[in-house]
């Protein structure tokens, strides 16, 4: 091809790449103003590269407000053990496959990358994943889908592989940990918010 004295292919003459950039589930989290804590957690747990792979992945993404609802010091304690308990909790938020809202049904069990399961409850057009409500569904990425949720999902087990870190986290609240959900103390009332 010769145009205005230049020869070659169109791609050779373009200054920019003609390929479109892909968007991953991690890109969606990173580019969200409501997921700064989740972004920091995914990066600290060294899961950003894994979740940027081909997938598909379904990520149930807790908002910053969901993390803020945890007892004081919890996020900091989890970040201190970023590749242990925190990584396990994050893996409990990810399904290896694509689960759009139209794929979900009441009572459905969704297996997670941690090896645990999430329970779907649907009532009056409200979709719950365990104790978390889906507030925004079907944010599509090239390697999966993100659903925004309003609570951090805590597995009943799967955190025991790092007994020392679990004990340190439990020590903050004088608790005994048998699972990830035991690592995070429960609020006793909304007044604690």
N, C-alpha and C. Protein backbone atom coordinates (compact mmCIF):
# COMPACT_ATOMS: atom_id res chain seq x y z
N UNK A 1 0.86 -1.17 0.00
CA UNK A 1 0.00 0.00 0.00
C UNK A 1 0.90 1.23 0.00
N UNK A 2 0.61 2.17 -0.88
CA UNK A 2 1.36 3.42 -0.92
C UNK A 2 0.38 4.57 -0.83
N UNK A 3 0.56 5.40 0.20
CA UNK A 3 -0.29 6.56 0.43
C UNK A 3 0.60 7.74 0.74
N UNK A 4 0.45 8.81 -0.01
CA UNK A 4 1.22 10.04 0.19
C UNK A 4 2.72 9.77 0.28
N UNK A 5 3.18 8.85 -0.53
CA UNK A 5 4.60 8.56 -0.56
C UNK A 5 5.07 7.58 0.50
N UNK A 6 4.17 7.15 1.39
CA UNK A 6 4.51 6.18 2.43
C UNK A 6 4.07 4.81 1.95
N UNK A 7 4.89 3.82 2.20
CA UNK A 7 4.49 2.48 1.79
C UNK A 7 4.57 1.53 2.98
N UNK A 8 3.80 0.48 2.91
CA UNK A 8 3.75 -0.52 3.96
C UNK A 8 2.31 -0.90 4.23
N UNK A 9 2.10 -1.63 5.32
CA UNK A 9 0.73 -2.00 5.69
C UNK A 9 0.10 -0.87 6.49
N UNK A 10 -1.18 -0.94 6.65
CA UNK A 10 -1.88 0.08 7.45
C UNK A 10 -1.37 0.06 8.88
N UNK A 11 -1.13 -1.13 9.42
CA UNK A 11 -0.63 -1.23 10.79
C UNK A 11 0.74 -0.59 10.91
N UNK A 12 1.59 -0.73 9.85
CA UNK A 12 2.90 -0.11 9.88
C UNK A 12 2.79 1.41 9.92
N UNK A 13 1.79 1.95 9.23
CA UNK A 13 1.64 3.39 9.15
C UNK A 13 0.94 3.98 10.37
N UNK A 14 0.23 3.15 11.13
CA UNK A 14 -0.45 3.63 12.34
C UNK A 14 0.60 3.86 13.43
N UNK A 15 0.46 4.94 14.15
CA UNK A 15 1.33 5.17 15.30
C UNK A 15 0.83 4.41 16.51
N UNK A 16 -0.44 4.03 16.49
CA UNK A 16 -1.01 3.32 17.63
C UNK A 16 -1.26 1.86 17.25
N UNK A 17 -1.39 1.06 18.25
CA UNK A 17 -1.71 -0.34 18.02
C UNK A 17 -3.18 -0.44 17.63
N UNK A 18 -3.46 -1.28 16.68
CA UNK A 18 -4.84 -1.46 16.25
C UNK A 18 -5.57 -2.48 17.11
N UNK A 19 -4.84 -3.10 18.05
CA UNK A 19 -5.47 -4.08 18.93
C UNK A 19 -6.12 -3.37 20.11
N UNK A 20 -7.29 -3.85 20.52
CA UNK A 20 -7.96 -3.29 21.68
C UNK A 20 -7.36 -3.91 22.94
N UNK A 21 -7.24 -3.10 23.99
CA UNK A 21 -6.76 -3.62 25.26
C UNK A 21 -7.88 -4.40 25.92
N UNK A 22 -7.48 -5.46 26.62
CA UNK A 22 -8.49 -6.23 27.33
C UNK A 22 -8.70 -5.65 28.73
N UNK A 23 -9.86 -5.90 29.27
CA UNK A 23 -10.20 -5.47 30.63
C UNK A 23 -10.41 -6.72 31.46
N UNK A 24 -9.68 -6.82 32.57
CA UNK A 24 -9.79 -7.98 33.45
C UNK A 24 -10.66 -7.64 34.66
N UNK A 25 -11.00 -8.66 35.42
CA UNK A 25 -11.75 -8.41 36.66
C UNK A 25 -10.92 -7.54 37.61
N UNK A 26 -9.60 -7.69 37.57
CA UNK A 26 -8.73 -6.84 38.40
C UNK A 26 -8.81 -5.40 37.93
N UNK A 27 -8.84 -5.17 36.62
CA UNK A 27 -8.97 -3.80 36.10
C UNK A 27 -10.25 -3.15 36.59
N UNK A 28 -11.33 -3.91 36.62
CA UNK A 28 -12.61 -3.37 37.09
C UNK A 28 -12.48 -2.93 38.55
N UNK A 29 -11.85 -3.77 39.37
CA UNK A 29 -11.66 -3.44 40.79
C UNK A 29 -10.76 -2.22 40.93
N UNK A 30 -9.64 -2.21 40.23
CA UNK A 30 -8.66 -1.11 40.32
C UNK A 30 -9.27 0.21 39.86
N UNK A 31 -10.11 0.17 38.85
CA UNK A 31 -10.70 1.40 38.30
C UNK A 31 -11.97 1.84 39.00
N UNK A 32 -12.35 1.15 40.07
CA UNK A 32 -13.56 1.49 40.81
C UNK A 32 -13.22 2.39 42.00
N UNK A 33 -13.97 3.46 42.16
CA UNK A 33 -13.79 4.33 43.32
C UNK A 33 -14.30 3.70 44.61
N UNK A 34 -15.08 2.63 44.51
CA UNK A 34 -15.69 2.00 45.68
C UNK A 34 -14.97 0.74 46.14
N UNK A 35 -13.82 0.43 45.52
CA UNK A 35 -13.13 -0.82 45.85
C UNK A 35 -11.64 -0.61 46.15
N UNK A 36 -11.30 0.49 46.81
CA UNK A 36 -9.91 0.77 47.13
C UNK A 36 -9.33 -0.25 48.11
N UNK A 37 -10.10 -0.64 49.10
CA UNK A 37 -9.62 -1.63 50.08
C UNK A 37 -9.46 -2.99 49.42
N UNK A 38 -10.42 -3.38 48.59
CA UNK A 38 -10.32 -4.66 47.89
C UNK A 38 -9.10 -4.64 46.96
N UNK A 39 -8.89 -3.54 46.27
CA UNK A 39 -7.72 -3.40 45.40
C UNK A 39 -6.43 -3.63 46.20
N UNK A 40 -6.30 -2.93 47.33
CA UNK A 40 -5.10 -3.08 48.17
C UNK A 40 -4.94 -4.52 48.67
N UNK A 41 -6.06 -5.14 49.02
CA UNK A 41 -6.02 -6.51 49.52
C UNK A 41 -5.59 -7.50 48.43
N UNK A 42 -6.16 -7.36 47.24
CA UNK A 42 -5.82 -8.26 46.13
C UNK A 42 -4.34 -8.13 45.77
N UNK A 43 -3.83 -6.91 45.75
CA UNK A 43 -2.42 -6.69 45.43
C UNK A 43 -1.53 -7.23 46.56
N UNK A 44 -1.90 -6.94 47.81
CA UNK A 44 -1.11 -7.42 48.95
C UNK A 44 -1.07 -8.95 49.01
N UNK A 45 -2.18 -9.58 48.65
CA UNK A 45 -2.26 -11.05 48.68
C UNK A 45 -1.62 -11.68 47.44
N UNK A 46 -1.11 -10.83 46.55
CA UNK A 46 -0.46 -11.28 45.33
C UNK A 46 -1.38 -12.10 44.43
N UNK A 47 -2.65 -11.70 44.39
CA UNK A 47 -3.64 -12.38 43.55
C UNK A 47 -3.95 -11.60 42.27
N UNK A 48 -3.37 -10.40 42.13
CA UNK A 48 -3.69 -9.57 40.97
C UNK A 48 -3.28 -10.22 39.66
N UNK A 49 -2.11 -10.83 39.61
CA UNK A 49 -1.70 -11.51 38.37
C UNK A 49 -2.57 -12.73 38.09
N UNK A 50 -2.88 -13.50 39.14
CA UNK A 50 -3.72 -14.69 38.97
C UNK A 50 -5.10 -14.31 38.43
N UNK A 51 -5.68 -13.25 38.98
CA UNK A 51 -7.02 -12.84 38.56
C UNK A 51 -7.02 -12.03 37.26
N UNK A 52 -5.83 -11.78 36.73
CA UNK A 52 -5.71 -11.13 35.42
C UNK A 52 -5.50 -12.16 34.31
N UNK A 53 -5.43 -13.43 34.68
CA UNK A 53 -5.24 -14.52 33.71
C UNK A 53 -6.51 -14.70 32.89
N UNK A 54 -6.49 -15.70 32.02
CA UNK A 54 -7.60 -15.93 31.08
C UNK A 54 -8.95 -16.15 31.74
N UNK A 55 -8.98 -16.83 32.87
CA UNK A 55 -10.27 -17.08 33.52
C UNK A 55 -11.08 -18.12 32.78
N UNK A 56 -12.38 -18.05 32.83
CA UNK A 56 -13.17 -16.95 33.39
C UNK A 56 -13.25 -17.01 34.92
N UNK A 57 -13.43 -15.84 35.51
CA UNK A 57 -13.60 -15.70 36.95
C UNK A 57 -14.88 -14.92 37.23
N UNK A 58 -15.54 -15.28 38.30
CA UNK A 58 -16.63 -14.48 38.84
C UNK A 58 -16.15 -13.97 40.18
N UNK A 59 -16.11 -12.65 40.34
CA UNK A 59 -15.64 -12.05 41.58
C UNK A 59 -16.82 -11.37 42.27
N UNK A 60 -17.04 -11.73 43.52
CA UNK A 60 -18.02 -11.05 44.37
C UNK A 60 -17.21 -10.02 45.15
N UNK A 61 -17.34 -8.74 44.76
CA UNK A 61 -16.44 -7.67 45.19
C UNK A 61 -17.05 -6.81 46.29
N UNK A 62 -16.58 -6.99 47.54
CA UNK A 62 -17.07 -6.13 48.63
C UNK A 62 -16.57 -4.70 48.46
N UNK A 63 -17.43 -3.76 48.77
CA UNK A 63 -17.09 -2.34 48.65
C UNK A 63 -16.22 -1.91 49.83
N UNK A 64 -15.69 -0.70 49.73
CA UNK A 64 -14.95 -0.12 50.86
C UNK A 64 -15.83 -0.07 52.10
N UNK A 65 -17.10 0.27 51.93
CA UNK A 65 -18.03 0.32 53.08
C UNK A 65 -18.17 -1.05 53.73
N UNK A 66 -18.11 -2.11 52.94
CA UNK A 66 -18.20 -3.47 53.50
C UNK A 66 -16.99 -3.74 54.39
N UNK A 67 -15.82 -3.34 53.95
CA UNK A 67 -14.62 -3.53 54.78
C UNK A 67 -14.66 -2.64 56.01
N UNK A 68 -15.19 -1.41 55.86
CA UNK A 68 -15.28 -0.49 56.99
C UNK A 68 -16.24 -0.99 58.07
N UNK A 69 -17.18 -1.87 57.68
CA UNK A 69 -18.14 -2.42 58.64
C UNK A 69 -17.52 -3.49 59.53
N UNK A 70 -16.33 -3.97 59.16
CA UNK A 70 -15.64 -4.94 60.01
C UNK A 70 -15.14 -4.23 61.26
N UNK A 71 -14.93 -4.95 62.34
CA UNK A 71 -14.45 -4.31 63.57
C UNK A 71 -13.12 -3.58 63.35
N UNK A 72 -12.90 -2.52 64.11
CA UNK A 72 -11.66 -1.74 63.96
C UNK A 72 -10.42 -2.63 64.07
N UNK A 73 -9.46 -2.39 63.20
CA UNK A 73 -8.20 -3.14 63.22
C UNK A 73 -8.20 -4.40 62.39
N UNK A 74 -9.38 -4.82 61.93
CA UNK A 74 -9.48 -6.08 61.19
C UNK A 74 -8.73 -6.03 59.87
N UNK A 75 -8.97 -4.99 59.08
CA UNK A 75 -8.33 -4.90 57.77
C UNK A 75 -6.82 -4.84 57.93
N UNK A 76 -6.35 -4.06 58.88
CA UNK A 76 -4.92 -3.94 59.11
C UNK A 76 -4.33 -5.29 59.51
N UNK A 77 -5.03 -6.02 60.38
CA UNK A 77 -4.55 -7.35 60.81
C UNK A 77 -4.52 -8.33 59.64
N UNK A 78 -5.55 -8.26 58.79
CA UNK A 78 -5.57 -9.15 57.62
C UNK A 78 -4.45 -8.80 56.65
N UNK A 79 -4.20 -7.51 56.44
CA UNK A 79 -3.13 -7.09 55.54
C UNK A 79 -1.75 -7.52 56.07
N UNK A 80 -1.63 -7.66 57.39
CA UNK A 80 -0.37 -8.12 57.98
C UNK A 80 -0.10 -9.58 57.63
N UNK A 81 -1.13 -10.33 57.32
CA UNK A 81 -0.99 -11.74 56.90
C UNK A 81 -1.57 -11.86 55.50
N UNK A 82 -1.04 -11.06 54.59
CA UNK A 82 -1.67 -10.91 53.28
C UNK A 82 -1.69 -12.17 52.43
N UNK A 83 -0.72 -13.05 52.58
CA UNK A 83 -0.72 -14.26 51.76
C UNK A 83 -1.25 -15.47 52.53
N UNK A 84 -1.78 -15.23 53.72
CA UNK A 84 -2.36 -16.30 54.53
C UNK A 84 -3.87 -16.16 54.61
N UNK A 85 -4.33 -15.70 55.77
CA UNK A 85 -5.77 -15.59 56.00
C UNK A 85 -6.43 -14.64 54.99
N UNK A 86 -5.81 -13.50 54.72
CA UNK A 86 -6.40 -12.55 53.76
C UNK A 86 -6.56 -13.20 52.40
N UNK A 87 -5.53 -13.86 51.91
CA UNK A 87 -5.62 -14.52 50.60
C UNK A 87 -6.75 -15.54 50.61
N UNK A 88 -6.89 -16.30 51.68
CA UNK A 88 -7.97 -17.29 51.76
C UNK A 88 -9.34 -16.63 51.73
N UNK A 89 -9.49 -15.54 52.47
CA UNK A 89 -10.77 -14.83 52.47
C UNK A 89 -11.08 -14.31 51.06
N UNK A 90 -10.07 -13.76 50.39
CA UNK A 90 -10.29 -13.27 49.02
C UNK A 90 -10.64 -14.40 48.06
N UNK A 91 -9.97 -15.54 48.18
CA UNK A 91 -10.29 -16.69 47.32
C UNK A 91 -11.71 -17.18 47.54
N UNK A 92 -12.25 -16.93 48.73
CA UNK A 92 -13.63 -17.29 49.04
C UNK A 92 -14.62 -16.39 48.29
N UNK A 93 -14.14 -15.31 47.69
CA UNK A 93 -14.96 -14.38 46.91
C UNK A 93 -14.91 -14.64 45.41
N UNK A 94 -14.20 -15.70 44.98
CA UNK A 94 -13.98 -15.92 43.55
C UNK A 94 -14.42 -17.32 43.14
N UNK A 95 -15.19 -17.36 42.06
CA UNK A 95 -15.61 -18.62 41.42
C UNK A 95 -14.84 -18.77 40.12
N UNK A 96 -14.34 -19.96 39.87
CA UNK A 96 -13.62 -20.23 38.62
C UNK A 96 -14.62 -20.59 37.54
N UNK A 97 -15.17 -19.59 36.93
CA UNK A 97 -16.19 -19.74 35.89
C UNK A 97 -16.94 -18.44 35.77
N UNK A 98 -17.85 -18.38 34.85
CA UNK A 98 -18.65 -17.19 34.67
C UNK A 98 -20.05 -17.43 35.22
N UNK A 99 -20.44 -16.64 36.20
CA UNK A 99 -21.78 -16.76 36.79
C UNK A 99 -22.46 -15.40 36.69
N UNK A 100 -23.20 -15.22 35.62
CA UNK A 100 -23.98 -14.00 35.46
C UNK A 100 -25.20 -14.06 36.36
N UNK A 101 -25.82 -12.93 36.61
CA UNK A 101 -27.00 -12.91 37.48
C UNK A 101 -28.10 -13.82 36.93
N UNK A 102 -28.19 -13.93 35.63
CA UNK A 102 -29.21 -14.79 35.01
C UNK A 102 -28.91 -16.28 35.20
N UNK A 103 -27.68 -16.60 35.59
CA UNK A 103 -27.29 -18.00 35.84
C UNK A 103 -27.60 -18.43 37.26
N UNK A 104 -27.87 -17.48 38.15
CA UNK A 104 -28.07 -17.79 39.56
C UNK A 104 -29.50 -18.20 39.84
N UNK A 105 -29.65 -19.10 40.80
CA UNK A 105 -30.99 -19.53 41.22
C UNK A 105 -31.01 -19.68 42.73
N UNK A 106 -32.17 -19.54 43.31
CA UNK A 106 -32.33 -19.63 44.75
C UNK A 106 -31.87 -21.00 45.25
N UNK A 107 -31.02 -20.98 46.27
CA UNK A 107 -30.51 -22.23 46.85
C UNK A 107 -29.27 -22.77 46.17
N UNK A 108 -28.87 -22.14 45.09
CA UNK A 108 -27.69 -22.59 44.35
C UNK A 108 -26.44 -22.47 45.22
N UNK A 109 -25.52 -23.40 45.06
CA UNK A 109 -24.24 -23.37 45.76
C UNK A 109 -23.16 -23.08 44.72
N UNK A 110 -22.33 -22.09 45.00
CA UNK A 110 -21.26 -21.69 44.08
C UNK A 110 -19.92 -22.08 44.70
N UNK A 111 -19.17 -22.96 44.05
CA UNK A 111 -17.85 -23.33 44.58
C UNK A 111 -16.85 -22.18 44.39
N UNK A 112 -15.98 -21.99 45.36
CA UNK A 112 -15.00 -20.91 45.29
C UNK A 112 -13.59 -21.46 45.05
N UNK A 113 -12.67 -20.57 44.74
CA UNK A 113 -11.28 -20.97 44.56
C UNK A 113 -10.64 -21.46 45.86
N UNK A 114 -11.24 -21.14 46.99
CA UNK A 114 -10.76 -21.63 48.28
C UNK A 114 -11.18 -23.08 48.51
N UNK A 115 -12.17 -23.54 47.75
CA UNK A 115 -12.70 -24.89 47.96
C UNK A 115 -13.93 -24.88 48.85
N UNK A 116 -14.41 -23.70 49.18
CA UNK A 116 -15.62 -23.54 49.98
C UNK A 116 -16.79 -23.29 49.03
N UNK A 117 -17.97 -23.09 49.58
CA UNK A 117 -19.14 -22.81 48.75
C UNK A 117 -19.86 -21.58 49.26
N UNK A 118 -20.45 -20.86 48.34
CA UNK A 118 -21.29 -19.70 48.64
C UNK A 118 -22.73 -20.09 48.33
N UNK A 119 -23.66 -19.64 49.17
CA UNK A 119 -25.07 -19.95 48.98
C UNK A 119 -25.78 -18.74 48.38
N UNK A 120 -26.51 -18.99 47.31
CA UNK A 120 -27.30 -17.95 46.64
C UNK A 120 -28.72 -17.98 47.20
N UNK A 121 -29.22 -16.82 47.58
CA UNK A 121 -30.62 -16.69 48.01
C UNK A 121 -31.25 -15.57 47.19
N UNK A 122 -32.41 -15.86 46.63
CA UNK A 122 -33.11 -14.85 45.82
C UNK A 122 -34.53 -14.71 46.36
N UNK A 123 -34.89 -13.47 46.69
CA UNK A 123 -36.22 -13.20 47.20
C UNK A 123 -36.61 -11.78 46.82
N UNK A 124 -37.78 -11.64 46.19
CA UNK A 124 -38.28 -10.31 45.81
C UNK A 124 -37.23 -9.50 45.05
N UNK A 125 -36.59 -10.10 44.07
CA UNK A 125 -35.58 -9.45 43.24
C UNK A 125 -34.33 -9.01 44.00
N UNK A 126 -34.14 -9.51 45.23
CA UNK A 126 -32.92 -9.25 45.98
C UNK A 126 -32.08 -10.52 45.92
N UNK A 127 -30.84 -10.37 45.47
CA UNK A 127 -29.93 -11.51 45.38
C UNK A 127 -28.92 -11.40 46.51
N UNK A 128 -28.83 -12.46 47.29
CA UNK A 128 -27.87 -12.53 48.40
C UNK A 128 -26.86 -13.63 48.09
N UNK A 129 -25.60 -13.35 48.37
CA UNK A 129 -24.54 -14.33 48.30
C UNK A 129 -24.08 -14.49 49.75
N UNK A 130 -24.43 -15.62 50.36
CA UNK A 130 -24.27 -15.80 51.80
C UNK A 130 -24.95 -14.62 52.50
N UNK A 131 -24.20 -13.81 53.27
CA UNK A 131 -24.80 -12.70 54.02
C UNK A 131 -24.70 -11.36 53.29
N UNK A 132 -24.26 -11.38 52.04
CA UNK A 132 -24.02 -10.13 51.31
C UNK A 132 -25.04 -9.95 50.19
N UNK A 133 -25.56 -8.72 50.09
CA UNK A 133 -26.50 -8.41 49.01
C UNK A 133 -25.72 -7.94 47.78
N UNK A 134 -26.13 -8.44 46.63
CA UNK A 134 -25.56 -7.97 45.36
C UNK A 134 -26.19 -6.61 45.07
N UNK A 135 -25.35 -5.57 45.00
CA UNK A 135 -25.86 -4.22 44.77
C UNK A 135 -25.70 -3.79 43.31
N UNK A 136 -24.70 -4.35 42.63
CA UNK A 136 -24.51 -4.12 41.20
C UNK A 136 -24.10 -5.46 40.60
N UNK A 137 -24.80 -5.88 39.58
CA UNK A 137 -24.53 -7.19 38.98
C UNK A 137 -23.98 -7.04 37.56
N UNK A 138 -23.27 -8.08 37.16
CA UNK A 138 -22.85 -8.26 35.76
C UNK A 138 -21.97 -7.15 35.20
N UNK A 139 -20.94 -6.76 35.92
CA UNK A 139 -19.94 -5.86 35.35
C UNK A 139 -18.98 -6.76 34.58
N UNK A 140 -19.07 -6.68 33.26
CA UNK A 140 -18.36 -7.63 32.41
C UNK A 140 -16.90 -7.25 32.19
N UNK A 141 -16.04 -8.26 32.22
CA UNK A 141 -14.63 -8.14 31.88
C UNK A 141 -14.33 -9.16 30.80
N UNK A 142 -13.19 -9.04 30.17
CA UNK A 142 -12.82 -10.01 29.14
C UNK A 142 -12.51 -11.38 29.74
N UNK A 143 -12.17 -11.41 31.03
CA UNK A 143 -11.87 -12.69 31.66
C UNK A 143 -12.87 -13.07 32.75
N UNK A 144 -14.07 -12.50 32.69
CA UNK A 144 -15.09 -12.88 33.67
C UNK A 144 -16.08 -11.78 33.96
N UNK A 145 -16.58 -11.81 35.19
CA UNK A 145 -17.63 -10.89 35.59
C UNK A 145 -17.44 -10.52 37.07
N UNK A 146 -17.81 -9.29 37.40
CA UNK A 146 -17.74 -8.80 38.78
C UNK A 146 -19.14 -8.45 39.23
N UNK A 147 -19.49 -8.89 40.45
CA UNK A 147 -20.74 -8.50 41.11
C UNK A 147 -20.34 -7.74 42.38
N UNK A 148 -20.85 -6.54 42.55
CA UNK A 148 -20.56 -5.74 43.73
C UNK A 148 -21.46 -6.22 44.87
N UNK A 149 -20.86 -6.43 46.05
CA UNK A 149 -21.62 -6.88 47.23
C UNK A 149 -21.38 -5.93 48.40
N UNK A 150 -22.30 -5.95 49.36
CA UNK A 150 -22.24 -4.99 50.46
C UNK A 150 -21.68 -5.55 51.76
N UNK A 151 -21.04 -6.72 51.72
CA UNK A 151 -20.44 -7.30 52.92
C UNK A 151 -19.25 -8.16 52.51
N UNK A 152 -18.34 -8.34 53.44
CA UNK A 152 -17.20 -9.23 53.22
C UNK A 152 -17.67 -10.65 53.54
N UNK A 153 -17.42 -11.58 52.62
CA UNK A 153 -17.82 -12.98 52.80
C UNK A 153 -16.75 -13.71 53.60
N UNK A 154 -17.15 -14.36 54.68
CA UNK A 154 -16.19 -15.06 55.53
C UNK A 154 -16.48 -16.55 55.52
N UNK A 155 -15.52 -17.35 55.05
CA UNK A 155 -15.74 -18.80 55.02
C UNK A 155 -15.75 -19.39 56.43
N UNK A 156 -16.50 -20.46 56.57
CA UNK A 156 -16.56 -21.15 57.87
C UNK A 156 -15.25 -21.87 58.17
N UNK A 157 -14.56 -22.33 57.13
CA UNK A 157 -13.26 -22.97 57.32
C UNK A 157 -12.38 -22.63 56.14
N UNK A 158 -11.14 -23.08 56.21
CA UNK A 158 -10.20 -22.78 55.14
C UNK A 158 -9.10 -21.82 55.55
N UNK A 159 -9.12 -21.36 56.81
CA UNK A 159 -8.06 -20.46 57.28
C UNK A 159 -7.08 -21.17 58.20
N UNK A 160 -7.31 -22.42 58.47
CA UNK A 160 -6.48 -23.12 59.44
C UNK A 160 -5.11 -23.49 58.94
N UNK A 161 -4.81 -23.24 57.65
CA UNK A 161 -3.50 -23.59 57.14
C UNK A 161 -2.40 -22.68 57.66
N UNK A 162 -2.74 -21.60 58.31
CA UNK A 162 -1.76 -20.68 58.87
C UNK A 162 -2.14 -20.41 60.32
N UNK A 163 -1.85 -21.40 61.17
CA UNK A 163 -2.27 -21.35 62.56
C UNK A 163 -1.68 -20.15 63.32
N UNK A 164 -0.42 -19.81 63.06
CA UNK A 164 0.21 -18.70 63.77
C UNK A 164 -0.48 -17.38 63.43
N UNK A 165 -0.72 -17.14 62.15
CA UNK A 165 -1.38 -15.90 61.74
C UNK A 165 -2.80 -15.85 62.29
N UNK A 166 -3.49 -16.97 62.26
CA UNK A 166 -4.85 -17.02 62.80
C UNK A 166 -4.84 -16.72 64.29
N UNK A 167 -3.86 -17.26 64.99
CA UNK A 167 -3.78 -17.01 66.44
C UNK A 167 -3.48 -15.55 66.72
N UNK A 168 -2.60 -14.95 65.91
CA UNK A 168 -2.29 -13.53 66.09
C UNK A 168 -3.53 -12.67 65.86
N UNK A 169 -4.28 -12.97 64.81
CA UNK A 169 -5.49 -12.22 64.52
C UNK A 169 -6.50 -12.43 65.63
N UNK A 170 -6.65 -13.66 66.09
CA UNK A 170 -7.60 -13.95 67.16
C UNK A 170 -7.19 -13.25 68.45
N UNK A 171 -5.88 -13.13 68.67
CA UNK A 171 -5.39 -12.49 69.88
C UNK A 171 -5.84 -11.05 70.01
N UNK A 172 -6.11 -10.41 68.88
CA UNK A 172 -6.59 -9.03 68.93
C UNK A 172 -7.92 -8.94 69.67
N UNK A 173 -8.69 -10.04 69.63
CA UNK A 173 -10.02 -10.02 70.25
C UNK A 173 -10.20 -11.13 71.28
N UNK A 174 -9.08 -11.80 71.66
CA UNK A 174 -9.13 -12.89 72.62
C UNK A 174 -10.10 -13.98 72.19
N UNK A 175 -10.07 -14.32 70.90
CA UNK A 175 -10.95 -15.36 70.35
C UNK A 175 -10.16 -16.62 70.06
N UNK A 176 -10.87 -17.71 69.94
CA UNK A 176 -10.29 -18.96 69.45
C UNK A 176 -10.78 -19.16 68.03
N UNK A 177 -9.85 -19.38 67.10
CA UNK A 177 -10.21 -19.48 65.70
C UNK A 177 -10.26 -20.93 65.25
N UNK A 178 -11.36 -21.32 64.66
CA UNK A 178 -11.44 -22.63 64.01
C UNK A 178 -11.67 -22.46 62.53
N UNK A 179 -12.01 -21.28 62.08
CA UNK A 179 -12.23 -21.00 60.67
C UNK A 179 -12.10 -19.52 60.42
N UNK A 180 -12.13 -19.12 59.15
CA UNK A 180 -11.97 -17.71 58.80
C UNK A 180 -13.03 -16.84 59.47
N UNK A 181 -14.26 -17.34 59.54
CA UNK A 181 -15.31 -16.51 60.13
C UNK A 181 -15.06 -16.28 61.61
N UNK A 182 -14.34 -17.21 62.25
CA UNK A 182 -14.00 -17.02 63.66
C UNK A 182 -12.89 -15.99 63.81
N UNK A 183 -12.13 -15.74 62.76
CA UNK A 183 -11.03 -14.78 62.83
C UNK A 183 -11.53 -13.35 62.92
N UNK A 184 -12.76 -13.12 62.50
CA UNK A 184 -13.34 -11.78 62.51
C UNK A 184 -14.44 -11.75 63.55
N UNK A 185 -14.29 -10.94 64.58
CA UNK A 185 -15.34 -10.89 65.59
C UNK A 185 -16.63 -10.35 65.03
N UNK A 186 -17.73 -10.85 65.55
CA UNK A 186 -19.05 -10.43 65.08
C UNK A 186 -19.48 -9.18 65.84
N UNK A 187 -20.09 -8.27 65.15
CA UNK A 187 -20.68 -7.10 65.81
C UNK A 187 -21.94 -7.58 66.52
N UNK A 188 -22.17 -7.03 67.66
CA UNK A 188 -23.35 -7.46 68.41
C UNK A 188 -24.54 -6.55 68.17
N UNK A 189 -24.31 -5.37 67.63
CA UNK A 189 -25.44 -4.49 67.35
C UNK A 189 -25.05 -3.49 66.27
N UNK A 190 -26.03 -2.88 65.68
CA UNK A 190 -25.76 -1.86 64.67
C UNK A 190 -25.18 -0.60 65.32
N UNK A 191 -25.30 -0.46 66.63
CA UNK A 191 -24.74 0.70 67.31
C UNK A 191 -23.22 0.69 67.22
N UNK A 192 -22.61 -0.50 67.02
CA UNK A 192 -21.17 -0.59 66.89
C UNK A 192 -20.69 -0.03 65.57
N UNK A 193 -21.57 0.16 64.61
CA UNK A 193 -21.19 0.70 63.31
C UNK A 193 -20.86 2.15 63.51
